[in-house]
């Protein structure tokens, strides 16, 4: 069911549209965490560390898929808001072909460069390298389906349907947990079983997404002959999607730098960092939900020639983001400082690192105000430089913080 975001009270529309996205993001985090929990419980710390050692790299590829998909969704939402159905179909068809082609390319790059990236670029410990390579290569082979799911989800959200993706993720999450238990606990396949379960679940979400889109929306129903790559259209999609993809990549590169530092401390630190990263991702769900909503909201209203609603929605969106994250963040300082004897004195104060919740509390006030504005900028069709410069501040600098806490 499509949803018109050009009429009604902005904050109400933003909340209604964002809630299914947040629920879907929660399922996606549980989906990603299932590998960690099940592998850690049934195969021990080394297997858990092997999965965690490539986590930041998998996030980078996911960031590219999400960034370019949302860029395409912004254009589709503008044409939907302007009721220009012919252009909408042209851009949607090109976006599908483009994203599937990019997914194939990323799969090839991931499989072929896995050893170089993990061993040399990120300094994965030698003891973990065989298992990490095995997990990541299987995961990378399924990237094309991840790109496919993300473009299907972006197109549906552009038309105002944020609930459908929740159902897709619910099915794939349940399937992923069931397959994890079957392959890892039942068949003893270890990290390979976890990776295969993830890929099969991604295939399921991709296929279900396109099947639903084809069945439900005549606007998004294409024959094979209509699915072709128009170079000019693809260029505009890349132009609008590049800011978001680069922003996502800059942030991910900050995590990659941090992952390399963490890898220096061995299996125990990698396992601990993996668990803490999952916690942070869950706390970020409300912010990301509002952020993604703002792209569709701004796109539809710009297409409908309502820039006044875009500005009004931005202010209300930031307030909603602040309100949704106030309680989790304000309670984050109840933890106690932890000491890791393996840390040198230069990291923190004599080896003491502030607890993860306190670190999250320190930076969440920045994120919950910044992130809605980041999606709002490309949603209005703004250019690349300012957007990327804003994003740069949340990227590589985060890696430096491990030794400046």
Protein backbone atom coordinates (compact mmCIF):
# COMPACT_ATOMS: atom_id res chain seq x y z
CA UNK A 1 0.00 0.00 0.00
CA UNK A 2 1.45 3.36 -1.03
CA UNK A 3 1.62 6.25 1.43
CA UNK A 4 1.47 9.93 0.49
CA UNK A 5 3.88 11.91 2.69
CA UNK A 6 2.98 15.25 1.10
CA UNK A 7 -0.19 15.74 3.17
CA UNK A 8 -0.72 15.67 6.93
CA UNK A 9 1.27 16.59 10.02
CA UNK A 10 4.96 15.90 9.26
CA UNK A 11 6.00 14.41 12.61
CA UNK A 12 3.04 12.02 12.66
CA UNK A 13 3.80 10.83 9.14
CA UNK A 14 7.49 10.47 10.00
CA UNK A 15 6.76 8.35 13.10
CA UNK A 16 4.18 6.17 11.30
CA UNK A 17 6.55 5.58 8.40
CA UNK A 18 9.63 5.05 10.59
CA UNK A 19 8.22 2.50 13.06
CA UNK A 20 8.08 -0.42 10.56
CA UNK A 21 11.59 0.51 9.38
CA UNK A 22 12.84 0.41 12.98
CA UNK A 23 11.19 -2.95 13.57
CA UNK A 24 12.78 -4.21 10.37
CA UNK A 25 16.17 -2.87 11.43
CA UNK A 26 15.81 -4.65 14.77
CA UNK A 27 15.08 -7.90 12.94
CA UNK A 28 18.10 -7.26 10.71
CA UNK A 29 20.32 -6.80 13.77
CA UNK A 30 18.97 -10.01 15.29
CA UNK A 31 19.56 -11.61 11.91
CA UNK A 32 23.21 -10.49 11.99
CA UNK A 33 23.62 -11.35 15.67
CA UNK A 34 22.32 -14.90 15.21
CA UNK A 35 25.60 -15.98 13.60
CA UNK A 36 27.53 -14.48 16.51
CA UNK A 37 25.42 -16.07 19.26
CA UNK A 38 25.04 -19.51 17.73
CA UNK A 39 28.64 -19.83 16.52
CA UNK A 40 29.95 -18.59 19.88
CA UNK A 41 27.82 -21.04 21.86
CA UNK A 42 28.42 -24.13 19.74
CA UNK A 43 31.93 -23.58 18.37
CA UNK A 44 33.67 -21.48 21.01
CA UNK A 45 35.63 -18.26 21.19
CA UNK A 46 37.89 -18.87 18.18
CA UNK A 47 34.93 -19.31 15.82
CA UNK A 48 33.20 -16.26 17.35
CA UNK A 49 36.37 -14.21 16.86
CA UNK A 50 36.66 -15.44 13.25
CA UNK A 51 33.17 -14.17 12.46
CA UNK A 52 33.84 -10.90 14.29
CA UNK A 53 37.18 -10.30 12.56
CA UNK A 54 35.45 -9.68 9.23
CA UNK A 55 32.35 -7.95 10.63
CA UNK A 56 33.53 -4.44 9.74
CA UNK A 57 34.28 -5.55 6.19
CA UNK A 58 30.80 -7.01 5.73
CA UNK A 59 29.40 -3.72 7.06
CA UNK A 60 31.31 -1.82 4.34
CA UNK A 61 29.71 -3.84 1.53
CA UNK A 62 26.30 -3.49 3.18
CA UNK A 63 26.85 0.28 3.43
CA UNK A 64 27.43 0.50 -0.33
CA UNK A 65 24.26 -1.49 -1.02
CA UNK A 66 22.18 0.69 1.29
CA UNK A 67 23.69 3.98 0.11
CA UNK A 68 23.12 3.50 -3.62
CA UNK A 69 19.70 1.92 -3.04
CA UNK A 70 18.49 4.87 -1.00
CA UNK A 71 19.86 7.20 -3.69
CA UNK A 72 17.67 5.47 -6.26
CA UNK A 73 14.76 5.56 -3.83
CA UNK A 74 15.08 9.34 -3.47
CA UNK A 75 14.60 9.84 -7.21
CA UNK A 76 11.69 7.38 -7.32
CA UNK A 77 10.02 9.15 -4.38
CA UNK A 78 10.37 12.51 -6.14
CA UNK A 79 8.68 11.18 -9.27
CA UNK A 80 6.01 9.51 -7.15
CA UNK A 81 5.35 12.81 -5.35
CA UNK A 82 5.11 14.58 -8.72
CA UNK A 83 2.85 11.82 -10.19
CA UNK A 84 5.25 11.29 -13.11
CA UNK A 85 4.71 7.58 -13.62
CA UNK A 86 6.65 7.15 -16.87
CA UNK A 87 9.86 8.55 -15.40
CA UNK A 88 9.26 6.57 -12.21
CA UNK A 89 9.14 3.29 -14.15
CA UNK A 90 12.20 4.19 -16.20
CA UNK A 91 14.28 4.99 -13.13
CA UNK A 92 13.01 1.95 -11.21
CA UNK A 93 13.89 -0.47 -14.04
CA UNK A 94 17.37 1.02 -14.46
CA UNK A 95 17.94 1.00 -10.69
CA UNK A 96 17.13 -2.71 -10.46
CA UNK A 97 19.55 -3.64 -13.25
CA UNK A 98 22.24 -1.29 -11.94
CA UNK A 99 22.09 -2.59 -8.37
CA UNK A 100 22.15 -6.24 -9.42
CA UNK A 101 25.18 -5.54 -11.63
CA UNK A 102 26.91 -3.74 -8.75
CA UNK A 103 26.07 -6.67 -6.48
CA UNK A 104 27.72 -9.11 -8.89
CA UNK A 105 30.78 -6.88 -9.06
CA UNK A 106 31.00 -6.62 -5.26
CA UNK A 107 30.65 -10.41 -4.94
CA UNK A 108 33.55 -10.89 -7.34
CA UNK A 109 35.70 -8.29 -5.57
CA UNK A 110 34.91 -9.74 -2.15
CA UNK A 111 35.73 -13.34 -3.07
CA UNK A 112 38.90 -12.52 -5.01
CA UNK A 113 40.38 -9.97 -2.60
CA UNK A 114 39.41 -11.66 0.68
CA UNK A 115 42.90 -12.86 1.61
CA UNK A 116 44.54 -9.52 0.87
CA UNK A 117 41.92 -7.54 2.77
CA UNK A 118 41.78 -9.76 5.83
CA UNK A 119 45.44 -10.73 6.15
CA UNK A 120 47.27 -7.60 5.04
CA UNK A 121 44.85 -4.69 5.28
CA UNK A 122 43.22 -5.65 8.60
CA UNK A 123 45.94 -7.78 10.19
CA UNK A 124 43.70 -10.71 11.10
CA UNK A 125 45.61 -13.02 13.49
CA UNK A 126 47.10 -16.04 11.71
CA UNK A 127 45.25 -18.47 13.96
CA UNK A 128 41.89 -16.98 12.89
CA UNK A 129 42.65 -16.42 9.20
CA UNK A 130 41.47 -19.79 7.75
CA UNK A 131 38.07 -19.61 9.48
CA UNK A 132 37.66 -15.89 8.76
CA UNK A 133 38.47 -16.40 5.06
CA UNK A 134 36.02 -19.28 4.82
CA UNK A 135 33.19 -17.27 6.41
CA UNK A 136 33.81 -14.08 4.45
CA UNK A 137 34.17 -15.73 1.02
CA UNK A 138 30.84 -17.52 1.41
CA UNK A 139 29.24 -14.31 2.67
CA UNK A 140 30.70 -12.29 -0.23
CA UNK A 141 29.33 -14.76 -2.79
CA UNK A 142 25.82 -13.77 -1.68
CA UNK A 143 26.31 -10.00 -1.91
CA UNK A 144 24.37 -9.81 -5.18
CA UNK A 145 21.23 -10.91 -3.32
CA UNK A 146 21.87 -8.34 -0.59
CA UNK A 147 22.07 -5.61 -3.23
CA UNK A 148 18.90 -7.01 -4.82
CA UNK A 149 16.97 -6.94 -1.55
CA UNK A 150 18.09 -3.40 -0.76
CA UNK A 151 16.93 -1.96 -4.09
CA UNK A 152 13.57 -3.75 -3.77
CA UNK A 153 13.16 -2.33 -0.25
CA UNK A 154 14.19 1.17 -1.39
CA UNK A 155 11.66 1.16 -4.25
CA UNK A 156 8.84 0.05 -1.96
CA UNK A 157 9.69 2.71 0.62
CA UNK A 158 9.84 5.34 -2.12
CA UNK A 159 6.18 4.59 -2.81
CA UNK A 160 5.43 4.92 0.90
CA UNK A 161 5.30 1.19 1.73
CA UNK A 162 7.55 0.72 4.76
CA UNK A 163 5.64 -2.22 6.23
CA UNK A 164 6.35 -4.77 3.50
CA UNK A 165 10.09 -4.86 4.18
CA UNK A 166 9.33 -5.64 7.82
CA UNK A 167 7.56 -8.83 6.76
CA UNK A 168 10.39 -9.80 4.40
CA UNK A 169 12.93 -9.41 7.19
CA UNK A 170 10.73 -11.32 9.63
CA UNK A 171 10.66 -14.32 7.28
CA UNK A 172 14.39 -14.17 6.48
CA UNK A 173 15.34 -13.70 10.17
CA UNK A 174 13.38 -16.75 11.28
CA UNK A 175 14.86 -18.72 8.37
CA UNK A 176 18.38 -17.56 9.25
CA UNK A 177 18.10 -18.64 12.89
CA UNK A 178 16.60 -22.00 11.92
CA UNK A 179 19.33 -22.65 9.35
CA UNK A 180 22.04 -21.50 11.78
CA UNK A 181 20.83 -24.02 14.34
CA UNK A 182 20.56 -26.75 11.69
CA UNK A 183 23.93 -26.16 10.06
CA UNK A 184 26.02 -25.11 13.07
CA UNK A 185 24.46 -26.98 15.98
CA UNK A 186 22.95 -29.91 14.08
CA UNK A 187 25.42 -30.65 11.28
CA UNK A 188 28.53 -29.20 12.95
CA UNK A 189 29.47 -27.07 9.94
CA UNK A 190 30.89 -24.24 12.08
CA UNK A 191 31.47 -20.82 10.53
CA UNK A 192 30.79 -22.19 7.03
CA UNK A 193 27.31 -23.24 8.15
CA UNK A 194 26.63 -19.80 9.60
CA UNK A 195 27.73 -18.10 6.36
CA UNK A 196 25.65 -20.43 4.19
CA UNK A 197 22.60 -19.81 6.41
CA UNK A 198 23.06 -16.06 5.97
CA UNK A 199 23.35 -16.31 2.18
CA UNK A 200 20.26 -18.54 1.87
CA UNK A 201 18.31 -16.07 4.02
CA UNK A 202 19.45 -13.19 1.83
CA UNK A 203 18.31 -15.07 -1.27
CA UNK A 204 14.91 -15.61 0.36
CA UNK A 205 14.45 -11.93 1.26
CA UNK A 206 15.52 -10.84 -2.24
CA UNK A 207 13.17 -13.24 -4.03
CA UNK A 208 10.22 -12.47 -1.73
CA UNK A 209 10.84 -8.72 -2.11
CA UNK A 210 10.77 -8.77 -5.90
CA UNK A 211 7.81 -11.18 -5.99
CA UNK A 212 5.79 -8.91 -3.69
CA UNK A 213 6.76 -5.81 -5.66
CA UNK A 214 5.74 -7.45 -8.96
CA UNK A 215 2.45 -8.74 -7.59
CA UNK A 216 1.37 -5.69 -5.57
CA UNK A 217 2.37 -2.66 -7.65
CA UNK A 218 1.68 -2.30 -11.35
CA UNK A 219 4.05 0.69 -11.35
CA UNK A 220 6.89 -1.68 -10.41
CA UNK A 221 5.87 -4.57 -12.64
CA UNK A 222 8.40 -5.07 -15.46
CA UNK A 223 8.91 -7.56 -18.25
CA UNK A 224 12.44 -8.80 -18.94
CA UNK A 225 12.56 -6.55 -22.01
CA UNK A 226 11.83 -3.49 -19.86
CA UNK A 227 14.65 -4.28 -17.44
CA UNK A 228 17.47 -2.54 -19.24
CA UNK A 229 20.23 -0.18 -18.24
CA UNK A 230 19.75 3.36 -19.53
CA UNK A 231 23.15 5.04 -19.25
CA UNK A 232 21.86 8.57 -18.63
CA UNK A 233 19.37 7.39 -16.02
CA UNK A 234 22.00 5.23 -14.35
CA UNK A 235 24.34 8.21 -14.24
CA UNK A 236 21.79 10.30 -12.36
CA UNK A 237 21.08 7.46 -9.93
CA UNK A 238 24.81 7.17 -9.22
CA UNK A 239 25.09 10.95 -8.85
CA UNK A 240 22.35 11.06 -6.22
CA UNK A 241 23.33 7.76 -4.58
CA UNK A 242 27.06 8.52 -4.39
CA UNK A 243 26.80 10.97 -1.43
CA UNK A 244 24.96 8.41 0.67
CA UNK A 245 27.20 5.52 -0.41
CA UNK A 246 30.32 7.56 0.29
CA UNK A 247 28.97 8.72 3.64
CA UNK A 248 28.18 5.15 4.63
CA UNK A 249 31.60 4.02 3.39
CA UNK A 250 33.48 6.75 5.27
CA UNK A 251 31.82 5.69 8.51
CA UNK A 252 32.51 2.03 7.70
CA UNK A 253 36.16 2.82 6.96
CA UNK A 254 36.41 4.29 10.45
CA UNK A 255 35.22 0.95 11.79
CA UNK A 256 37.70 -0.88 9.55
CA UNK A 257 40.55 1.13 11.03
CA UNK A 258 39.22 0.36 14.50
CA UNK A 259 38.92 -3.34 13.58
CA UNK A 260 42.59 -3.42 12.60
CA UNK A 261 43.56 -1.97 15.99
CA UNK A 262 41.33 -4.46 17.79
CA UNK A 263 42.85 -7.36 15.84
CA UNK A 264 46.24 -6.54 17.36
CA UNK A 265 45.03 -7.71 20.78
CA UNK A 266 44.03 -11.24 19.75
CA UNK A 267 40.99 -13.47 20.03
CA UNK A 268 39.61 -12.29 23.38
CA UNK A 269 39.54 -8.64 22.37
CA UNK A 270 38.04 -9.44 18.95
CA UNK A 271 35.26 -11.49 20.58
CA UNK A 272 34.55 -8.70 23.09
CA UNK A 273 34.53 -6.03 20.39
CA UNK A 274 32.15 -8.12 18.28
CA UNK A 275 29.61 -8.32 21.12
CA UNK A 276 29.92 -4.60 21.93
CA UNK A 277 29.43 -3.66 18.26
CA UNK A 278 26.18 -5.61 18.15
CA UNK A 279 24.99 -3.65 21.21
CA UNK A 280 25.79 -0.33 19.58
CA UNK A 281 23.98 -1.31 16.38
CA UNK A 282 20.82 -2.05 18.36
CA UNK A 283 21.00 1.31 20.16
CA UNK A 284 21.32 3.08 16.80
CA UNK A 285 18.08 1.60 15.41
CA UNK A 286 15.76 4.58 16.22
CA UNK A 287 18.23 7.06 14.73
CA UNK A 288 18.70 5.05 11.53
CA UNK A 289 14.93 4.59 11.20
CA UNK A 290 14.29 8.36 11.29
CA UNK A 291 17.28 8.93 9.01
CA UNK A 292 15.94 6.62 6.29
CA UNK A 293 12.43 8.07 6.65
CA UNK A 294 13.71 11.59 6.01
CA UNK A 295 15.03 10.59 2.56
CA UNK A 296 11.58 9.44 1.41
CA UNK A 297 9.80 12.34 3.12
CA UNK A 298 12.07 14.94 1.53
CA UNK A 299 11.98 13.22 -1.86
CA UNK A 300 8.18 13.03 -2.11
CA UNK A 301 7.69 16.62 -0.96
CA UNK A 302 10.35 18.01 -3.28
CA UNK A 303 8.68 16.16 -6.15
CA UNK A 304 5.36 17.70 -5.13
CA UNK A 305 6.97 21.18 -5.05
CA UNK A 306 6.52 21.49 -1.27
CA UNK A 307 9.96 22.62 0.02
CA UNK A 308 8.24 24.31 2.98
CA UNK A 309 7.13 20.89 4.25
CA UNK A 310 10.66 19.54 3.77
CA UNK A 311 12.12 22.18 6.11
CA UNK A 312 9.30 21.75 8.61
CA UNK A 313 9.68 17.98 8.51
CA UNK A 314 13.43 18.22 9.10
CA UNK A 315 12.97 20.16 12.34
CA UNK A 316 10.25 17.81 13.56
CA UNK A 317 12.27 14.77 12.47
CA UNK A 318 15.27 15.85 14.55
CA UNK A 319 13.00 16.36 17.59
CA UNK A 320 11.47 12.90 17.09
CA UNK A 321 14.97 11.39 16.87
CA UNK A 322 16.03 13.16 20.06
CA UNK A 323 12.92 12.02 21.89
CA UNK A 324 13.18 8.38 20.79
CA UNK A 325 16.81 8.03 21.89
CA UNK A 326 16.63 10.02 25.14
CA UNK A 327 15.84 7.16 27.54
CA UNK A 328 18.32 4.54 26.25
CA UNK A 329 21.11 7.08 26.14
CA UNK A 330 20.41 8.75 29.49
CA UNK A 331 20.58 5.37 31.20
CA UNK A 332 23.80 4.36 29.51
CA UNK A 333 26.12 5.58 32.25
CA UNK A 334 25.04 3.00 34.81
CA UNK A 335 27.88 0.66 33.90
CA UNK A 336 31.24 0.40 35.61
CA UNK A 337 34.68 0.95 34.17
CA UNK A 338 36.39 -2.17 32.95
CA UNK A 339 40.07 -3.05 32.99
CA UNK A 340 41.67 -5.25 30.38
CA UNK A 341 45.15 -6.35 31.50
CA UNK A 342 46.28 -6.84 27.93
CA UNK A 343 45.85 -3.17 27.04
CA UNK A 344 48.93 -0.95 27.12
CA UNK A 345 48.94 2.10 29.35
CA UNK A 346 48.64 4.47 26.38
CA UNK A 347 45.10 3.18 25.67
CA UNK A 348 42.87 4.99 28.09
CA UNK A 349 44.17 5.73 31.57
CA UNK A 350 46.53 2.97 32.60
CA UNK A 351 44.69 0.31 30.63
CA UNK A 352 41.25 1.37 31.84
CA UNK A 353 38.67 1.85 29.13
CA UNK A 354 35.39 3.60 29.82
CA UNK A 355 32.51 1.12 29.48
CA UNK A 356 30.87 0.81 26.08
CA UNK A 357 27.57 2.35 27.26
CA UNK A 358 29.37 5.50 28.43
CA UNK A 359 31.08 5.81 25.06
CA UNK A 360 27.71 5.44 23.33
CA UNK A 361 26.22 8.08 25.62
CA UNK A 362 28.97 10.53 24.71
CA UNK A 363 28.41 10.35 20.99
CA UNK A 364 24.70 9.61 20.62
CA UNK A 365 23.64 13.26 21.19
CA UNK A 366 25.65 14.09 18.07
CA UNK A 367 24.32 11.20 15.99
CA UNK A 368 20.63 11.59 16.83
CA UNK A 369 20.67 15.18 15.57
CA UNK A 370 23.06 14.71 12.65
CA UNK A 371 21.69 11.54 11.05
CA UNK A 372 18.19 12.84 10.14
CA UNK A 373 19.84 15.86 8.49
CA UNK A 374 22.15 13.60 6.49
CA UNK A 375 19.26 11.81 4.74
CA UNK A 376 17.37 15.10 4.37
CA UNK A 377 20.19 16.65 2.30
CA UNK A 378 20.22 14.13 -0.60
CA UNK A 379 16.43 13.82 -0.35
CA UNK A 380 16.30 17.44 -1.50
CA UNK A 381 18.69 16.67 -4.35
CA UNK A 382 21.64 18.51 -2.80
CA UNK A 383 25.12 17.92 -4.18
CA UNK A 384 27.99 15.78 -3.07
CA UNK A 385 30.64 17.98 -1.38
CA UNK A 386 28.82 19.35 1.68
CA UNK A 387 27.16 16.01 2.40
CA UNK A 388 30.41 14.05 2.29
CA UNK A 389 32.31 16.62 4.35
CA UNK A 390 29.68 16.33 7.09
CA UNK A 391 29.98 12.54 6.97
CA UNK A 392 33.78 12.63 7.17
CA UNK A 393 33.58 13.82 10.76
CA UNK A 394 31.83 10.61 11.82
CA UNK A 395 34.19 8.27 10.00
CA UNK A 396 37.93 7.72 10.42
CA UNK A 397 38.10 9.85 13.57
CA UNK A 398 36.23 7.09 15.42
CA UNK A 399 39.15 4.71 14.94
CA UNK A 400 41.49 7.13 16.69
CA UNK A 401 39.27 7.14 19.79
CA UNK A 402 40.38 3.68 20.90
CA UNK A 403 43.66 5.15 22.09
CA UNK A 404 42.29 8.52 23.16
CA UNK A 405 39.39 7.41 25.39
